[in-house]
């Protein structure tokens, strides 16, 4: 290890931490689990937004329509809420959203480090932009690489793997 605390190859590039050839249990079933985790997270993000919309609607009725002017806050508030959700959950100790925790998967950098707030927020932005512009077919990328990474994972240098508990269980089954 060098004085800077950085360990890597002679050219300064860190090797991939997760190899599907030596640890296939880390990648087994991840794409399907990601889809279910996304749906769980979508519900978690949507519930407060729907409740806020219902409150604004009711407030507009009570104020004879004046409160409905607050609907313009709903769109930027939704974006801020989603970025905070993804940033704090990915930046937490488990490097996973609540849906990912339920499905026993986690996100790591390609060299094995846990995720952090900014990476989690940017991951959400790049995901939504790639799906919006390139259609959901962009998700098929995971079937053409051994680490089951999606396009936004490749762009950001992340990988989604089974967590240690699930990976250990899959190892013992083999």
C-alpha atoms as a PDB file:
ATOM      1  CA  UNK A   1       0.000   0.000   0.000  1.00  0.00           C
ATOM      2  CA  UNK A   2       1.312   3.450  -0.798  1.00  0.00           C
ATOM      3  CA  UNK A   3       1.628   6.395   1.570  1.00  0.00           C
ATOM      4  CA  UNK A   4      -1.643   7.837   0.276  1.00  0.00           C
ATOM      5  CA  UNK A   5      -3.586   4.803   1.468  1.00  0.00           C
ATOM      6  CA  UNK A   6      -4.573   3.933  -2.086  1.00  0.00           C
ATOM      7  CA  UNK A   7      -3.962   0.411  -3.238  1.00  0.00           C
ATOM      8  CA  UNK A   8      -4.294  -0.615  -6.819  1.00  0.00           C
ATOM      9  CA  UNK A   9      -2.216  -1.728  -9.743  1.00  0.00           C
ATOM     10  CA  UNK A  10       0.984  -0.063 -10.885  1.00  0.00           C
ATOM     11  CA  UNK A  11      -0.943   2.164 -13.290  1.00  0.00           C
ATOM     12  CA  UNK A  12      -3.184   3.377 -10.437  1.00  0.00           C
ATOM     13  CA  UNK A  13      -6.332   1.597 -11.600  1.00  0.00           C
ATOM     14  CA  UNK A  14      -8.232  -0.378  -8.998  1.00  0.00           C
ATOM     15  CA  UNK A  15      -9.288  -3.889 -10.010  1.00  0.00           C
ATOM     16  CA  UNK A  16     -12.937  -4.932 -10.065  1.00  0.00           C
ATOM     17  CA  UNK A  17     -13.883  -6.164  -6.615  1.00  0.00           C
ATOM     18  CA  UNK A  18     -16.619  -8.549  -7.712  1.00  0.00           C
ATOM     19  CA  UNK A  19     -15.823 -11.292 -10.204  1.00  0.00           C
ATOM     20  CA  UNK A  20     -18.780 -13.316 -11.502  1.00  0.00           C
ATOM     21  CA  UNK A  21     -16.453 -16.201 -12.395  1.00  0.00           C
ATOM     22  CA  UNK A  22     -15.162 -16.678  -8.853  1.00  0.00           C
ATOM     23  CA  UNK A  23     -18.260 -15.469  -6.945  1.00  0.00           C
ATOM     24  CA  UNK A  24     -21.343 -16.190  -9.063  1.00  0.00           C
ATOM     25  CA  UNK A  25     -23.555 -16.160  -5.954  1.00  0.00           C
ATOM     26  CA  UNK A  26     -23.131 -12.379  -5.763  1.00  0.00           C
ATOM     27  CA  UNK A  27     -24.942 -11.932  -9.078  1.00  0.00           C
ATOM     28  CA  UNK A  28     -27.465 -14.778  -9.013  1.00  0.00           C
ATOM     29  CA  UNK A  29     -31.043 -13.522  -9.403  1.00  0.00           C
ATOM     30  CA  UNK A  30     -30.096  -9.848  -9.099  1.00  0.00           C
ATOM     31  CA  UNK A  31     -32.002  -8.495 -12.168  1.00  0.00           C
ATOM     32  CA  UNK A  32     -35.358  -9.896 -11.030  1.00  0.00           C
ATOM     33  CA  UNK A  33     -34.746  -8.741  -7.468  1.00  0.00           C
ATOM     34  CA  UNK A  34     -33.906  -5.257  -8.752  1.00  0.00           C
ATOM     35  CA  UNK A  35     -37.244  -5.002 -10.540  1.00  0.00           C
ATOM     36  CA  UNK A  36     -39.171  -5.961  -7.411  1.00  0.00           C
ATOM     37  CA  UNK A  37     -37.037  -3.610  -5.287  1.00  0.00           C
ATOM     38  CA  UNK A  38     -37.777  -0.781  -7.733  1.00  0.00           C
ATOM     39  CA  UNK A  39     -41.518  -1.389  -7.406  1.00  0.00           C
ATOM     40  CA  UNK A  40     -41.283  -1.336  -3.603  1.00  0.00           C
ATOM     41  CA  UNK A  41     -39.272   1.900  -3.711  1.00  0.00           C
ATOM     42  CA  UNK A  42     -41.717   3.417  -6.197  1.00  0.00           C
ATOM     43  CA  UNK A  43     -44.574   2.819  -3.751  1.00  0.00           C
ATOM     44  CA  UNK A  44     -42.538   4.241  -0.850  1.00  0.00           C
ATOM     45  CA  UNK A  45     -41.764   7.393  -2.846  1.00  0.00           C
ATOM     46  CA  UNK A  46     -45.310   7.736  -4.222  1.00  0.00           C
ATOM     47  CA  UNK A  47     -47.251   7.520  -0.947  1.00  0.00           C
ATOM     48  CA  UNK A  48     -46.060  10.856   0.532  1.00  0.00           C
ATOM     49  CA  UNK A  49     -46.543  12.558  -2.827  1.00  0.00           C
ATOM     50  CA  UNK A  50     -50.124  11.298  -3.111  1.00  0.00           C
ATOM     51  CA  UNK A  51     -50.807  12.351   0.487  1.00  0.00           C
ATOM     52  CA  UNK A  52     -49.411  15.828  -0.250  1.00  0.00           C
ATOM     53  CA  UNK A  53     -51.635  16.099  -3.335  1.00  0.00           C
ATOM     54  CA  UNK A  54     -54.674  15.089  -1.303  1.00  0.00           C
ATOM     55  CA  UNK A  55     -53.792  17.678   1.358  1.00  0.00           C
ATOM     56  CA  UNK A  56     -53.373  20.429  -1.242  1.00  0.00           C
ATOM     57  CA  UNK A  57     -56.709  19.476  -2.812  1.00  0.00           C
ATOM     58  CA  UNK A  58     -58.485  19.579   0.557  1.00  0.00           C
ATOM     59  CA  UNK A  59     -56.716  22.820   1.488  1.00  0.00           C
ATOM     60  CA  UNK A  60     -57.882  24.300  -1.831  1.00  0.00           C
ATOM     61  CA  UNK A  61     -61.478  23.381  -1.017  1.00  0.00           C
ATOM     62  CA  UNK A  62     -61.272  25.020   2.412  1.00  0.00           C
ATOM     63  CA  UNK A  63     -59.674  28.189   1.013  1.00  0.00           C
ATOM     64  CA  UNK A  64     -62.127  28.399  -1.897  1.00  0.00           C
ATOM     65  CA  UNK A  65     -59.501  27.552  -4.494  1.00  0.00           C
ATOM     66  CA  UNK A  66     -56.613  29.695  -3.228  1.00  0.00           C
ATOM     67  CA  UNK A  67     -54.791  26.678  -1.774  1.00  0.00           C
ATOM     68  CA  UNK A  68     -54.676  24.982  -5.147  1.00  0.00           C
ATOM     69  CA  UNK A  69     -51.885  27.380  -6.072  1.00  0.00           C
ATOM     70  CA  UNK A  70     -49.669  25.078  -3.998  1.00  0.00           C
ATOM     71  CA  UNK A  71     -49.937  22.360  -6.650  1.00  0.00           C
ATOM     72  CA  UNK A  72     -46.980  23.970  -8.418  1.00  0.00           C
ATOM     73  CA  UNK A  73     -44.833  22.858  -5.471  1.00  0.00           C
ATOM     74  CA  UNK A  74     -45.770  19.218  -5.955  1.00  0.00           C
ATOM     75  CA  UNK A  75     -43.503  18.551  -8.946  1.00  0.00           C
ATOM     76  CA  UNK A  76     -40.279  20.049  -7.560  1.00  0.00           C
ATOM     77  CA  UNK A  77     -41.120  18.616  -4.142  1.00  0.00           C
ATOM     78  CA  UNK A  78     -41.436  15.163  -5.688  1.00  0.00           C
ATOM     79  CA  UNK A  79     -38.019  15.425  -7.295  1.00  0.00           C
ATOM     80  CA  UNK A  80     -36.415  16.647  -4.069  1.00  0.00           C
ATOM     81  CA  UNK A  81     -38.107  13.887  -2.061  1.00  0.00           C
ATOM     82  CA  UNK A  82     -36.942  11.178  -4.498  1.00  0.00           C
ATOM     83  CA  UNK A  83     -33.355  12.474  -4.524  1.00  0.00           C
ATOM     84  CA  UNK A  84     -33.283  12.641  -0.730  1.00  0.00           C
ATOM     85  CA  UNK A  85     -34.722   9.128  -0.508  1.00  0.00           C
ATOM     86  CA  UNK A  86     -32.187   7.602  -2.880  1.00  0.00           C
ATOM     87  CA  UNK A  87     -29.273   9.636  -1.540  1.00  0.00           C
ATOM     88  CA  UNK A  88     -29.901   8.810   2.116  1.00  0.00           C
ATOM     89  CA  UNK A  89     -30.719   5.148   1.590  1.00  0.00           C
ATOM     90  CA  UNK A  90     -27.793   4.482  -0.763  1.00  0.00           C
ATOM     91  CA  UNK A  91     -25.558   6.578   1.467  1.00  0.00           C
ATOM     92  CA  UNK A  92     -26.592   4.634   4.559  1.00  0.00           C
ATOM     93  CA  UNK A  93     -24.658   1.778   6.139  1.00  0.00           C
ATOM     94  CA  UNK A  94     -26.311  -0.887   3.969  1.00  0.00           C
ATOM     95  CA  UNK A  95     -25.841   0.921   0.619  1.00  0.00           C
ATOM     96  CA  UNK A  96     -29.364  -0.070  -0.381  1.00  0.00           C
ATOM     97  CA  UNK A  97     -32.822   1.426  -0.651  1.00  0.00           C
ATOM     98  CA  UNK A  98     -35.600  -0.037   1.463  1.00  0.00           C
ATOM     99  CA  UNK A  99     -36.790  -2.108  -1.491  1.00  0.00           C
ATOM    100  CA  UNK A 100     -33.286  -3.406  -2.061  1.00  0.00           C
ATOM    101  CA  UNK A 101     -32.967  -4.318   1.619  1.00  0.00           C
ATOM    102  CA  UNK A 102     -36.197  -6.287   1.392  1.00  0.00           C
ATOM    103  CA  UNK A 103     -34.812  -8.117  -1.640  1.00  0.00           C
ATOM    104  CA  UNK A 104     -31.349  -8.689  -0.052  1.00  0.00           C
ATOM    105  CA  UNK A 105     -29.345  -6.728  -2.605  1.00  0.00           C
ATOM    106  CA  UNK A 106     -27.000  -3.763  -2.254  1.00  0.00           C
ATOM    107  CA  UNK A 107     -25.132  -1.284  -4.445  1.00  0.00           C
ATOM    108  CA  UNK A 108     -21.337  -0.977  -4.370  1.00  0.00           C
ATOM    109  CA  UNK A 109     -18.789   0.875  -6.434  1.00  0.00           C
ATOM    110  CA  UNK A 110     -17.018  -1.276  -9.019  1.00  0.00           C
ATOM    111  CA  UNK A 111     -14.000  -1.520  -6.723  1.00  0.00           C
ATOM    112  CA  UNK A 112     -16.100  -2.657  -3.719  1.00  0.00           C
ATOM    113  CA  UNK A 113     -16.580   0.498  -1.653  1.00  0.00           C
ATOM    114  CA  UNK A 114     -20.021   1.249  -0.203  1.00  0.00           C
ATOM    115  CA  UNK A 115     -22.178   3.867  -1.849  1.00  0.00           C
ATOM    116  CA  UNK A 116     -22.525   7.430  -0.572  1.00  0.00           C
ATOM    117  CA  UNK A 117     -25.176  10.178  -0.686  1.00  0.00           C
ATOM    118  CA  UNK A 118     -24.102  11.959  -3.878  1.00  0.00           C
ATOM    119  CA  UNK A 119     -23.593   8.692  -5.761  1.00  0.00           C
ATOM    120  CA  UNK A 120     -27.065   7.540  -4.707  1.00  0.00           C
ATOM    121  CA  UNK A 121     -28.720  10.778  -5.823  1.00  0.00           C
ATOM    122  CA  UNK A 122     -26.830  10.848  -9.134  1.00  0.00           C
ATOM    123  CA  UNK A 123     -27.651   7.156  -9.650  1.00  0.00           C
ATOM    124  CA  UNK A 124     -31.358   8.002  -9.429  1.00  0.00           C
ATOM    125  CA  UNK A 125     -31.012  10.932 -11.839  1.00  0.00           C
ATOM    126  CA  UNK A 126     -29.053   8.944 -14.419  1.00  0.00           C
ATOM    127  CA  UNK A 127     -31.506   6.022 -14.115  1.00  0.00           C
ATOM    128  CA  UNK A 128     -34.568   8.205 -14.716  1.00  0.00           C
ATOM    129  CA  UNK A 129     -32.900  10.070 -17.590  1.00  0.00           C
ATOM    130  CA  UNK A 130     -31.708   6.898 -19.308  1.00  0.00           C
ATOM    131  CA  UNK A 131     -35.090   5.222 -19.005  1.00  0.00           C
ATOM    132  CA  UNK A 132     -36.895   8.391 -20.124  1.00  0.00           C
ATOM    133  CA  UNK A 133     -34.774   8.967 -23.209  1.00  0.00           C
ATOM    134  CA  UNK A 134     -33.833   5.442 -24.195  1.00  0.00           C
ATOM    135  CA  UNK A 135     -37.048   3.670 -23.170  1.00  0.00           C
ATOM    136  CA  UNK A 136     -37.248   0.769 -20.737  1.00  0.00           C
ATOM    137  CA  UNK A 137     -35.413  -1.378 -23.302  1.00  0.00           C
ATOM    138  CA  UNK A 138     -32.218   0.098 -21.860  1.00  0.00           C
ATOM    139  CA  UNK A 139     -32.732  -2.341 -18.984  1.00  0.00           C
ATOM    140  CA  UNK A 140     -31.945  -5.260 -21.315  1.00  0.00           C
ATOM    141  CA  UNK A 141     -28.259  -4.315 -21.099  1.00  0.00           C
ATOM    142  CA  UNK A 142     -27.951  -6.468 -17.957  1.00  0.00           C
ATOM    143  CA  UNK A 143     -28.426  -9.647 -19.979  1.00  0.00           C
ATOM    144  CA  UNK A 144     -25.333  -8.919 -22.085  1.00  0.00           C
ATOM    145  CA  UNK A 145     -22.717  -8.549 -19.341  1.00  0.00           C
ATOM    146  CA  UNK A 146     -21.552 -10.970 -16.694  1.00  0.00           C
ATOM    147  CA  UNK A 147     -21.985  -8.591 -13.756  1.00  0.00           C
ATOM    148  CA  UNK A 148     -25.632  -7.926 -14.661  1.00  0.00           C
ATOM    149  CA  UNK A 149     -24.987  -4.175 -14.694  1.00  0.00           C
ATOM    150  CA  UNK A 150     -27.458  -1.780 -16.265  1.00  0.00           C
ATOM    151  CA  UNK A 151     -26.455   1.155 -18.451  1.00  0.00           C
ATOM    152  CA  UNK A 152     -26.588   3.675 -15.617  1.00  0.00           C
ATOM    153  CA  UNK A 153     -24.511   1.331 -13.428  1.00  0.00           C
ATOM    154  CA  UNK A 154     -21.807   1.241 -16.088  1.00  0.00           C
ATOM    155  CA  UNK A 155     -21.847   5.011 -16.505  1.00  0.00           C
ATOM    156  CA  UNK A 156     -21.490   5.596 -12.762  1.00  0.00           C
ATOM    157  CA  UNK A 157     -19.143   2.723 -11.930  1.00  0.00           C
ATOM    158  CA  UNK A 158     -21.524   0.847  -9.665  1.00  0.00           C
ATOM    159  CA  UNK A 159     -22.605  -2.755  -9.363  1.00  0.00           C
ATOM    160  CA  UNK A 160     -25.622  -4.257  -7.612  1.00  0.00           C
ATOM    161  CA  UNK A 161     -24.945  -7.552  -5.845  1.00  0.00           C
ATOM    162  CA  UNK A 162     -26.614  -9.870  -3.381  1.00  0.00           C
ATOM    163  CA  UNK A 163     -25.837  -8.850   0.184  1.00  0.00           C
ATOM    164  CA  UNK A 164     -23.553 -10.994   2.341  1.00  0.00           C
ATOM    165  CA  UNK A 165     -26.404 -12.884   4.032  1.00  0.00           C
ATOM    166  CA  UNK A 166     -27.989 -13.933   0.736  1.00  0.00           C
ATOM    167  CA  UNK A 167     -24.623 -14.655  -0.906  1.00  0.00           C
ATOM    168  CA  UNK A 168     -23.636 -16.892   2.020  1.00  0.00           C
ATOM    169  CA  UNK A 169     -26.971 -18.721   1.781  1.00  0.00           C
ATOM    170  CA  UNK A 170     -26.456 -19.283  -1.968  1.00  0.00           C
ATOM    171  CA  UNK A 171     -22.908 -20.561  -1.305  1.00  0.00           C
ATOM    172  CA  UNK A 172     -24.151 -23.148   1.189  1.00  0.00           C
ATOM    173  CA  UNK A 173     -26.889 -24.313  -1.200  1.00  0.00           C
ATOM    174  CA  UNK A 174     -24.251 -25.099  -3.823  1.00  0.00           C
END
